N, C-alpha and C. Protein backbone atom coordinates (compact mmCIF):
# COMPACT_ATOMS: atom_id res chain seq x y z
N UNK A 1 16.29 -12.95 54.87
CA UNK A 1 15.97 -11.65 54.37
C UNK A 1 16.89 -11.17 53.22
N UNK A 2 18.16 -11.24 53.61
CA UNK A 2 19.38 -10.55 52.70
C UNK A 2 19.24 -11.39 51.42
N UNK A 3 18.99 -12.66 51.33
CA UNK A 3 18.94 -13.50 50.14
C UNK A 3 17.67 -13.06 49.27
N UNK A 4 16.63 -12.81 49.98
CA UNK A 4 15.47 -12.38 49.14
C UNK A 4 15.76 -10.89 48.45
N UNK A 5 16.26 -10.11 49.34
CA UNK A 5 16.68 -8.65 48.74
C UNK A 5 17.74 -8.80 47.71
N UNK A 6 18.67 -9.68 47.82
CA UNK A 6 19.73 -9.82 46.68
C UNK A 6 19.07 -10.47 45.42
N UNK A 7 18.21 -11.36 45.68
CA UNK A 7 17.43 -12.08 44.56
C UNK A 7 16.66 -10.99 43.65
N UNK A 8 15.94 -10.16 44.59
CA UNK A 8 15.10 -9.25 43.97
C UNK A 8 15.87 -8.35 43.23
N UNK A 9 17.01 -7.77 43.73
CA UNK A 9 17.99 -7.00 43.06
C UNK A 9 18.47 -7.25 41.80
N UNK A 10 18.96 -8.70 41.97
CA UNK A 10 19.29 -9.20 40.69
C UNK A 10 18.37 -9.59 39.73
N UNK A 11 17.23 -9.69 40.06
CA UNK A 11 16.01 -9.78 38.96
C UNK A 11 15.82 -8.60 38.34
N UNK A 12 15.75 -7.59 39.12
CA UNK A 12 15.57 -6.06 38.61
C UNK A 12 16.67 -5.75 37.72
N UNK A 13 17.87 -6.05 38.16
CA UNK A 13 19.16 -5.80 37.23
C UNK A 13 18.88 -6.62 35.96
N UNK A 14 18.54 -7.66 36.04
CA UNK A 14 18.43 -8.45 34.66
C UNK A 14 17.19 -8.02 33.84
N UNK A 15 16.09 -7.66 34.34
CA UNK A 15 15.07 -6.99 33.76
C UNK A 15 15.33 -5.68 33.15
N UNK A 16 16.25 -4.83 33.79
CA UNK A 16 16.59 -3.45 33.38
C UNK A 16 17.62 -3.75 32.14
N UNK A 17 18.58 -4.69 32.15
CA UNK A 17 19.54 -4.98 31.30
C UNK A 17 18.81 -5.51 30.06
N UNK A 18 17.85 -6.46 30.12
CA UNK A 18 17.06 -7.06 29.09
C UNK A 18 16.33 -5.84 28.44
N UNK A 19 15.69 -4.88 29.09
CA UNK A 19 14.93 -3.81 28.59
C UNK A 19 15.91 -2.92 27.75
N UNK A 20 17.02 -2.75 28.19
CA UNK A 20 18.03 -1.81 27.62
C UNK A 20 18.50 -2.52 26.34
N UNK A 21 18.70 -3.79 26.38
CA UNK A 21 19.21 -4.48 25.08
C UNK A 21 18.00 -4.51 24.12
N UNK A 22 16.68 -4.77 24.52
CA UNK A 22 15.73 -4.72 23.46
C UNK A 22 15.67 -3.47 22.94
N UNK A 23 15.72 -2.33 23.72
CA UNK A 23 15.80 -0.84 22.90
C UNK A 23 16.93 -0.72 21.99
N UNK A 24 18.14 -1.31 22.43
CA UNK A 24 19.27 -1.17 21.63
C UNK A 24 19.35 -2.06 20.40
N UNK A 25 18.51 -3.15 20.34
CA UNK A 25 18.60 -4.02 19.19
C UNK A 25 17.13 -4.24 18.80
N UNK A 26 16.26 -3.48 18.84
CA UNK A 26 14.98 -3.73 18.34
C UNK A 26 14.76 -3.41 16.97
N UNK A 27 15.82 -2.78 16.22
CA UNK A 27 15.72 -2.79 14.87
C UNK A 27 15.02 -1.46 14.30
N UNK A 28 14.53 -0.58 15.18
CA UNK A 28 13.79 0.46 14.64
C UNK A 28 14.68 1.40 13.99
N UNK A 29 16.09 1.38 14.08
CA UNK A 29 16.88 2.15 13.58
C UNK A 29 17.16 1.87 12.16
N UNK A 30 16.58 0.64 11.66
CA UNK A 30 16.75 0.11 10.25
C UNK A 30 15.66 0.85 9.40
N UNK A 31 14.43 1.40 10.28
CA UNK A 31 13.48 2.14 9.45
C UNK A 31 13.70 3.49 9.33
N UNK A 32 13.76 3.99 8.10
CA UNK A 32 14.05 5.44 7.80
C UNK A 32 12.63 6.03 7.69
N UNK A 33 12.42 7.45 7.96
CA UNK A 33 11.11 8.08 7.51
C UNK A 33 10.92 8.07 5.84
N UNK A 34 9.75 7.53 5.56
CA UNK A 34 9.50 7.33 4.24
C UNK A 34 8.95 8.86 3.50
N UNK A 35 10.07 9.62 3.02
CA UNK A 35 9.86 10.72 2.54
C UNK A 35 8.59 10.77 1.31
N UNK A 36 8.42 9.88 0.62
CA UNK A 36 7.57 9.78 -0.41
C UNK A 36 6.21 9.11 0.00
N UNK A 37 5.87 8.86 1.39
CA UNK A 37 4.74 8.05 1.70
C UNK A 37 3.48 8.58 0.99
N UNK A 38 3.37 9.96 0.76
CA UNK A 38 2.04 10.56 0.32
C UNK A 38 1.95 10.33 -1.13
N UNK A 39 2.98 9.78 -1.84
CA UNK A 39 2.75 9.49 -3.24
C UNK A 39 2.27 8.08 -3.38
N UNK A 40 2.02 7.39 -2.30
CA UNK A 40 1.45 6.13 -2.20
C UNK A 40 -0.05 6.16 -2.24
N UNK A 41 -0.55 4.93 -2.00
CA UNK A 41 -2.08 4.76 -2.10
C UNK A 41 -2.58 5.01 -0.66
N UNK A 42 -3.42 5.91 -0.45
CA UNK A 42 -4.20 6.24 1.03
C UNK A 42 -5.15 5.14 0.76
N UNK A 43 -5.02 3.92 1.55
CA UNK A 43 -5.94 2.79 1.35
C UNK A 43 -6.90 2.74 2.43
N UNK A 44 -6.95 3.63 3.36
CA UNK A 44 -7.98 3.62 4.58
C UNK A 44 -7.52 4.27 5.69
N UNK A 45 -8.30 4.26 6.80
CA UNK A 45 -8.06 4.89 7.79
C UNK A 45 -8.81 4.32 8.97
N UNK A 46 -8.65 5.01 10.24
CA UNK A 46 -9.66 4.61 11.36
C UNK A 46 -9.71 5.93 12.18
N UNK A 47 -10.80 6.13 12.61
CA UNK A 47 -10.99 7.18 13.73
C UNK A 47 -10.94 6.64 14.94
N UNK A 48 -10.05 7.31 15.87
CA UNK A 48 -9.88 6.98 17.31
C UNK A 48 -10.53 7.94 18.08
N UNK A 49 -11.76 7.79 18.23
CA UNK A 49 -12.47 8.87 19.17
C UNK A 49 -11.88 8.83 20.38
N UNK A 50 -11.63 7.63 20.97
CA UNK A 50 -11.10 7.54 22.38
C UNK A 50 -9.88 8.57 22.73
N UNK A 51 -9.12 8.83 21.60
CA UNK A 51 -7.81 9.67 21.79
C UNK A 51 -8.01 10.81 20.87
N UNK A 52 -9.21 11.05 20.26
CA UNK A 52 -9.43 12.31 19.62
C UNK A 52 -8.48 12.32 18.51
N UNK A 53 -8.43 11.24 17.64
CA UNK A 53 -7.41 11.14 16.56
C UNK A 53 -7.88 10.43 15.41
N UNK A 54 -7.52 10.94 14.11
CA UNK A 54 -7.87 10.37 12.84
C UNK A 54 -6.51 9.77 12.26
N UNK A 55 -6.41 8.41 11.96
CA UNK A 55 -5.26 7.84 11.34
C UNK A 55 -5.57 7.42 9.99
N UNK A 56 -4.54 7.64 9.03
CA UNK A 56 -4.64 7.16 7.58
C UNK A 56 -3.49 6.43 7.52
N UNK A 57 -3.76 5.39 6.32
CA UNK A 57 -2.68 4.49 6.01
C UNK A 57 -2.32 4.70 4.52
N UNK A 58 -0.99 4.67 4.28
CA UNK A 58 -0.37 4.75 3.07
C UNK A 58 0.46 3.64 2.71
N UNK A 59 0.42 3.01 1.52
CA UNK A 59 1.30 1.99 1.00
C UNK A 59 1.45 2.08 -0.48
N UNK A 60 2.58 1.48 -1.05
CA UNK A 60 2.85 1.51 -2.30
C UNK A 60 1.66 0.89 -3.32
N UNK A 61 1.42 1.11 -4.52
CA UNK A 61 0.64 0.46 -5.38
C UNK A 61 1.01 -1.00 -5.50
N UNK A 62 2.36 -1.18 -5.64
CA UNK A 62 2.89 -2.60 -5.85
C UNK A 62 2.43 -3.56 -4.60
N UNK A 63 2.48 -2.96 -3.58
CA UNK A 63 2.08 -3.75 -2.31
C UNK A 63 0.45 -4.10 -2.43
N UNK A 64 -0.16 -3.04 -2.80
CA UNK A 64 -1.74 -3.15 -2.93
C UNK A 64 -1.91 -4.31 -4.05
N UNK A 65 -1.37 -4.13 -5.17
CA UNK A 65 -1.46 -5.12 -6.31
C UNK A 65 -1.21 -6.52 -5.84
N UNK A 66 -0.15 -6.77 -4.93
CA UNK A 66 0.21 -7.94 -4.50
C UNK A 66 -0.86 -8.63 -3.62
N UNK A 67 -1.46 -7.80 -2.72
CA UNK A 67 -2.49 -8.24 -1.84
C UNK A 67 -3.76 -8.57 -2.41
N UNK A 68 -4.01 -7.79 -3.53
CA UNK A 68 -5.31 -8.13 -4.26
C UNK A 68 -5.12 -9.31 -5.11
N UNK A 69 -3.93 -9.75 -5.55
CA UNK A 69 -3.79 -10.87 -6.40
C UNK A 69 -3.48 -12.12 -5.64
N UNK A 70 -3.51 -12.01 -4.16
CA UNK A 70 -3.19 -13.03 -3.41
C UNK A 70 -1.80 -13.37 -3.06
N UNK A 71 -0.99 -12.39 -3.63
CA UNK A 71 0.52 -12.92 -3.37
C UNK A 71 0.96 -12.19 -2.05
N UNK A 72 2.09 -12.74 -1.54
CA UNK A 72 2.49 -12.14 -0.20
C UNK A 72 2.87 -10.69 -0.38
N UNK A 73 2.86 -9.87 0.67
CA UNK A 73 3.36 -8.49 0.74
C UNK A 73 4.81 -8.42 0.30
N UNK A 74 5.43 -7.89 -0.46
CA UNK A 74 6.69 -7.94 -1.01
C UNK A 74 7.58 -7.32 -0.03
N UNK A 75 8.85 -7.88 0.09
CA UNK A 75 9.97 -7.15 0.79
C UNK A 75 10.08 -5.69 0.19
N UNK A 76 10.45 -4.87 1.01
CA UNK A 76 10.44 -3.57 0.74
C UNK A 76 9.31 -2.64 0.96
N UNK A 77 8.31 -3.26 1.19
CA UNK A 77 6.94 -2.69 1.50
C UNK A 77 7.17 -1.77 2.81
N UNK A 78 6.54 -0.63 2.66
CA UNK A 78 6.57 0.42 3.78
C UNK A 78 4.95 0.83 3.98
N UNK A 79 4.50 0.55 5.25
CA UNK A 79 3.11 1.10 5.66
C UNK A 79 3.26 2.34 6.45
N UNK A 80 2.80 3.42 6.22
CA UNK A 80 2.90 4.54 6.94
C UNK A 80 1.50 4.84 7.36
N UNK A 81 1.49 5.07 8.96
CA UNK A 81 0.16 5.51 9.24
C UNK A 81 0.36 6.93 9.92
N UNK A 82 -0.34 7.69 9.40
CA UNK A 82 -0.33 9.23 9.73
C UNK A 82 -1.36 9.43 10.68
N UNK A 83 -1.03 10.11 11.89
CA UNK A 83 -1.77 10.27 13.13
C UNK A 83 -2.07 11.83 12.91
N UNK A 84 -3.45 12.16 12.89
CA UNK A 84 -3.84 13.53 12.93
C UNK A 84 -4.60 13.85 14.20
N UNK A 85 -4.59 15.01 14.70
CA UNK A 85 -5.33 15.43 15.92
C UNK A 85 -6.72 15.78 15.12
N UNK A 86 -7.76 15.27 15.90
CA UNK A 86 -9.14 15.55 15.34
C UNK A 86 -9.44 16.93 15.74
N UNK A 87 -10.10 17.48 14.80
CA UNK A 87 -10.48 19.06 15.00
C UNK A 87 -11.86 18.98 16.01
N UNK A 88 -12.02 19.92 16.82
CA UNK A 88 -13.13 20.04 17.63
C UNK A 88 -13.91 21.49 17.52
N UNK A 89 -14.98 21.42 17.89
CA UNK A 89 -15.98 22.82 17.85
C UNK A 89 -15.49 23.40 19.31
N UNK A 90 -16.12 24.59 19.28
CA UNK A 90 -15.74 25.52 20.56
C UNK A 90 -16.27 24.73 21.78
N UNK A 91 -17.11 23.78 21.93
CA UNK A 91 -17.71 23.11 23.10
C UNK A 91 -16.70 21.80 23.18
N UNK A 92 -15.80 21.42 22.31
CA UNK A 92 -14.85 20.39 22.35
C UNK A 92 -15.57 19.19 21.94
N UNK A 93 -16.54 19.30 20.93
CA UNK A 93 -17.18 18.08 20.51
C UNK A 93 -16.36 17.85 19.09
N UNK A 94 -16.07 16.62 18.96
CA UNK A 94 -15.23 16.35 17.71
C UNK A 94 -16.06 16.47 16.47
N UNK A 95 -15.47 17.12 15.54
CA UNK A 95 -16.04 17.31 14.16
C UNK A 95 -15.90 16.14 13.27
N UNK A 96 -16.98 15.89 12.49
CA UNK A 96 -17.05 14.97 11.49
C UNK A 96 -17.28 15.63 10.15
N UNK A 97 -16.60 15.09 9.09
CA UNK A 97 -16.84 15.62 7.78
C UNK A 97 -17.89 14.97 7.05
N UNK A 98 -18.31 15.29 5.77
CA UNK A 98 -19.41 14.78 5.06
C UNK A 98 -19.33 13.21 4.74
N UNK A 99 -18.05 12.78 4.97
CA UNK A 99 -17.84 11.26 4.96
C UNK A 99 -18.12 10.45 6.19
N UNK A 100 -18.43 11.29 7.30
CA UNK A 100 -18.71 10.71 8.39
C UNK A 100 -17.54 10.36 9.48
N UNK A 101 -16.32 10.79 8.83
CA UNK A 101 -15.10 10.53 9.60
C UNK A 101 -14.58 11.76 10.34
N UNK A 102 -13.88 11.74 11.19
CA UNK A 102 -13.32 12.87 12.08
C UNK A 102 -12.54 13.72 11.08
N UNK A 103 -12.66 15.01 11.34
CA UNK A 103 -12.02 15.98 10.62
C UNK A 103 -10.55 16.08 11.05
N UNK A 104 -9.62 16.10 10.13
CA UNK A 104 -8.15 15.96 10.49
C UNK A 104 -7.65 17.40 10.83
N UNK A 105 -6.84 17.54 11.85
CA UNK A 105 -6.24 18.80 12.14
C UNK A 105 -4.73 18.42 11.91
N UNK A 106 -3.89 19.03 12.78
CA UNK A 106 -2.43 18.79 12.49
C UNK A 106 -1.90 17.46 12.84
N UNK A 107 -0.96 17.16 11.86
CA UNK A 107 -0.25 15.80 12.16
C UNK A 107 0.56 15.66 13.42
N UNK A 108 0.24 14.65 14.26
CA UNK A 108 0.92 14.48 15.63
C UNK A 108 2.08 13.59 15.49
N UNK A 109 2.07 12.74 14.65
CA UNK A 109 3.13 11.59 14.59
C UNK A 109 2.94 10.68 13.29
N UNK A 110 3.99 9.73 13.17
CA UNK A 110 3.76 8.96 12.12
C UNK A 110 4.21 7.61 12.55
N UNK A 111 3.49 6.43 12.35
CA UNK A 111 3.80 5.15 12.61
C UNK A 111 4.27 4.40 11.30
N UNK A 112 5.50 3.90 11.38
CA UNK A 112 6.00 3.28 10.10
C UNK A 112 6.25 1.79 10.17
N UNK A 113 5.85 0.86 9.56
CA UNK A 113 6.23 -0.49 9.56
C UNK A 113 6.96 -0.67 8.12
N UNK A 114 8.08 -1.46 8.28
CA UNK A 114 8.76 -1.88 6.89
C UNK A 114 9.18 -3.19 7.02
N UNK A 115 8.94 -3.93 5.80
CA UNK A 115 9.29 -5.33 5.65
C UNK A 115 10.57 -5.59 4.73
N UNK A 116 11.51 -6.25 5.09
CA UNK A 116 12.70 -6.54 4.30
C UNK A 116 13.08 -8.04 4.74
N UNK A 117 13.49 -8.73 3.59
CA UNK A 117 13.78 -9.99 3.67
C UNK A 117 15.01 -10.12 4.71
N UNK A 118 14.93 -11.05 5.66
CA UNK A 118 16.02 -11.38 6.64
C UNK A 118 15.68 -10.44 7.88
N UNK A 119 14.80 -9.40 7.95
CA UNK A 119 14.73 -8.67 9.19
C UNK A 119 13.87 -9.59 10.06
N UNK A 120 14.07 -9.36 11.29
CA UNK A 120 13.32 -10.05 12.39
C UNK A 120 14.00 -11.37 13.15
N UNK A 121 14.88 -11.96 12.44
CA UNK A 121 15.44 -13.00 13.03
C UNK A 121 15.90 -13.20 14.33
N UNK A 122 16.37 -11.93 14.73
CA UNK A 122 16.97 -11.60 16.17
C UNK A 122 15.92 -11.77 17.25
N UNK A 123 14.62 -11.68 16.94
CA UNK A 123 13.54 -11.49 18.05
C UNK A 123 13.09 -12.98 18.40
N UNK A 124 12.72 -13.03 19.66
CA UNK A 124 12.17 -14.48 20.26
C UNK A 124 10.91 -14.68 19.41
N UNK A 125 10.61 -15.97 19.36
CA UNK A 125 9.32 -16.29 18.51
C UNK A 125 7.86 -15.66 19.14
N UNK A 126 7.98 -15.33 20.54
CA UNK A 126 6.87 -14.68 21.03
C UNK A 126 6.64 -13.17 20.62
N UNK A 127 7.51 -12.77 20.02
CA UNK A 127 7.56 -11.31 19.51
C UNK A 127 7.51 -11.14 18.16
N UNK A 128 8.37 -12.10 17.50
CA UNK A 128 8.72 -11.68 16.05
C UNK A 128 7.56 -11.57 15.24
N UNK A 129 7.51 -10.68 14.31
CA UNK A 129 6.32 -10.17 13.41
C UNK A 129 7.00 -10.40 11.92
N UNK A 130 7.32 -11.71 11.76
CA UNK A 130 7.71 -11.94 10.42
C UNK A 130 9.13 -11.28 9.97
N UNK A 131 8.93 -10.57 8.91
CA UNK A 131 10.11 -9.63 8.65
C UNK A 131 9.82 -8.07 8.70
N UNK A 132 9.00 -7.88 9.61
CA UNK A 132 8.70 -6.28 9.90
C UNK A 132 9.48 -5.76 10.86
N UNK A 133 9.83 -4.43 10.80
CA UNK A 133 10.29 -3.57 11.79
C UNK A 133 9.42 -2.43 11.82
N UNK A 134 9.45 -1.75 13.02
CA UNK A 134 8.73 -0.51 13.30
C UNK A 134 9.39 0.57 13.75
N UNK A 135 8.88 1.67 13.53
CA UNK A 135 9.54 2.96 13.99
C UNK A 135 8.50 4.03 14.05
N UNK A 136 8.64 4.97 15.10
CA UNK A 136 7.70 6.16 15.08
C UNK A 136 8.57 7.33 14.95
N UNK A 137 7.92 8.15 14.37
CA UNK A 137 8.29 9.67 13.97
C UNK A 137 7.47 10.65 14.59
N UNK A 138 8.17 11.69 15.19
CA UNK A 138 7.48 13.03 15.53
C UNK A 138 6.85 13.70 14.24
N UNK A 139 6.04 14.64 14.44
CA UNK A 139 5.43 15.38 13.53
C UNK A 139 6.55 15.98 12.66
N UNK A 140 7.54 16.38 13.18
CA UNK A 140 8.76 17.04 12.35
C UNK A 140 9.59 15.87 11.75
N UNK A 141 9.17 14.71 11.67
CA UNK A 141 9.76 13.62 11.12
C UNK A 141 11.01 13.08 11.59
N UNK A 142 11.37 13.52 12.81
CA UNK A 142 12.43 12.82 13.49
C UNK A 142 12.09 11.84 14.25
N UNK A 143 13.05 10.96 14.50
CA UNK A 143 12.73 9.62 15.23
C UNK A 143 12.20 10.00 16.67
N UNK A 144 11.16 9.29 17.03
CA UNK A 144 10.56 9.58 18.40
C UNK A 144 11.26 8.56 19.27
N UNK A 145 12.33 8.88 19.88
CA UNK A 145 13.30 8.07 20.75
C UNK A 145 12.86 7.67 21.97
N UNK A 146 11.56 8.17 22.30
CA UNK A 146 10.86 7.92 23.59
C UNK A 146 9.80 6.68 23.27
N UNK A 147 9.50 6.31 21.90
CA UNK A 147 8.64 5.38 21.79
C UNK A 147 9.08 3.97 22.28
N UNK A 148 7.94 3.28 22.75
CA UNK A 148 8.20 1.78 22.93
C UNK A 148 7.96 0.85 21.89
N UNK A 149 8.79 0.63 21.04
CA UNK A 149 8.61 -0.06 19.95
C UNK A 149 8.23 -1.55 20.12
N UNK A 150 8.62 -2.06 21.27
CA UNK A 150 7.99 -3.46 21.67
C UNK A 150 6.52 -3.76 21.79
N UNK A 151 5.84 -2.33 22.20
CA UNK A 151 4.34 -2.39 22.06
C UNK A 151 3.83 -2.53 20.56
N UNK A 152 4.52 -2.16 19.57
CA UNK A 152 4.20 -2.32 18.25
C UNK A 152 4.16 -3.82 17.91
N UNK A 153 5.36 -4.66 18.34
CA UNK A 153 5.35 -6.22 18.11
C UNK A 153 4.40 -6.84 18.86
N UNK A 154 3.95 -6.51 20.13
CA UNK A 154 3.17 -7.00 20.94
C UNK A 154 1.57 -6.97 20.29
N UNK A 155 1.39 -5.64 19.92
CA UNK A 155 -0.05 -5.46 19.34
C UNK A 155 -0.02 -6.04 18.06
N UNK A 156 0.80 -6.16 17.06
CA UNK A 156 0.65 -6.64 15.78
C UNK A 156 0.83 -8.19 15.83
N UNK A 157 1.27 -8.75 16.82
CA UNK A 157 1.69 -10.16 16.89
C UNK A 157 0.29 -11.06 16.68
N UNK A 158 -0.69 -10.82 17.16
CA UNK A 158 -2.09 -11.79 17.00
C UNK A 158 -2.53 -11.69 15.57
N UNK A 159 -1.89 -10.82 14.72
CA UNK A 159 -2.35 -10.58 13.34
C UNK A 159 -1.44 -11.41 12.35
N UNK A 160 -0.72 -12.48 12.73
CA UNK A 160 0.11 -13.27 11.97
C UNK A 160 -0.50 -13.77 10.68
N UNK A 161 -1.80 -14.30 10.74
CA UNK A 161 -2.40 -14.76 9.49
C UNK A 161 -2.71 -13.57 8.58
N UNK A 162 -2.47 -12.41 8.92
CA UNK A 162 -2.71 -11.37 8.11
C UNK A 162 -1.52 -10.75 7.70
N UNK A 163 -0.29 -11.28 7.67
CA UNK A 163 0.86 -10.64 7.78
C UNK A 163 1.21 -9.47 8.61
N UNK A 164 0.64 -9.66 9.96
CA UNK A 164 0.70 -8.76 11.07
C UNK A 164 0.11 -7.48 10.79
N UNK A 165 -0.68 -7.26 9.90
CA UNK A 165 -1.50 -6.10 9.52
C UNK A 165 -2.90 -6.03 10.07
N UNK A 166 -3.45 -4.82 10.48
CA UNK A 166 -4.65 -4.72 10.94
C UNK A 166 -5.57 -4.40 9.82
N UNK A 167 -5.01 -3.82 8.78
CA UNK A 167 -5.50 -3.15 7.57
C UNK A 167 -5.47 -3.95 6.26
N UNK A 168 -5.24 -5.35 6.34
CA UNK A 168 -5.15 -6.10 5.24
C UNK A 168 -6.49 -5.92 4.31
N UNK A 169 -7.59 -6.25 5.13
CA UNK A 169 -8.93 -6.07 4.37
C UNK A 169 -8.97 -4.77 3.70
N UNK A 170 -8.63 -3.56 4.28
CA UNK A 170 -8.73 -2.39 3.60
C UNK A 170 -7.79 -2.30 2.48
N UNK A 171 -6.67 -2.85 2.45
CA UNK A 171 -5.84 -2.85 1.26
C UNK A 171 -6.47 -3.79 0.09
N UNK A 172 -7.06 -4.86 0.36
CA UNK A 172 -7.74 -5.45 -0.65
C UNK A 172 -8.99 -4.73 -1.41
N UNK A 173 -9.46 -3.78 -0.61
CA UNK A 173 -10.50 -2.95 -1.29
C UNK A 173 -10.04 -1.67 -1.66
N UNK A 174 -8.73 -1.34 -1.76
CA UNK A 174 -8.24 -0.06 -2.08
C UNK A 174 -8.46 0.35 -3.41
N UNK A 175 -8.69 1.36 -3.76
CA UNK A 175 -8.77 1.87 -5.29
C UNK A 175 -7.46 2.28 -5.82
């Protein structure tokens, strides 16, 4: 019984250390808030009715042009996802605008992906997202130090064929 308890304690310690190392070396600190995100192309968005949120995506024109011409997304590309609380009527029903999308309320947070040559090599293959790093920022643009950036890697990993983006098709159609 003591061996089992000791083994379980050791396993828990290794998991805790591994988690702490992941947080310390995740690379999110490499990603700075993109102050000029709104001067980029707003190339699409998504309504998240399940969490009463509208999200919109911004990227540079150079990145959009690269995708349209079939070139890889260039190093230095930043994708900013702005999270807005969806507006509701007095009964709590979500409001939709003339375009059929949720009406945006206040900004709740920002999700940012940044791609740089050489980034990502420290990650194990099952998590690496090419050369992308992730960071989340609060509405006041400060780093959300409570964010679990590992979830970003896990969520985007299945999109390797689309350079880890969910919105690649929207980029191709951006105006």
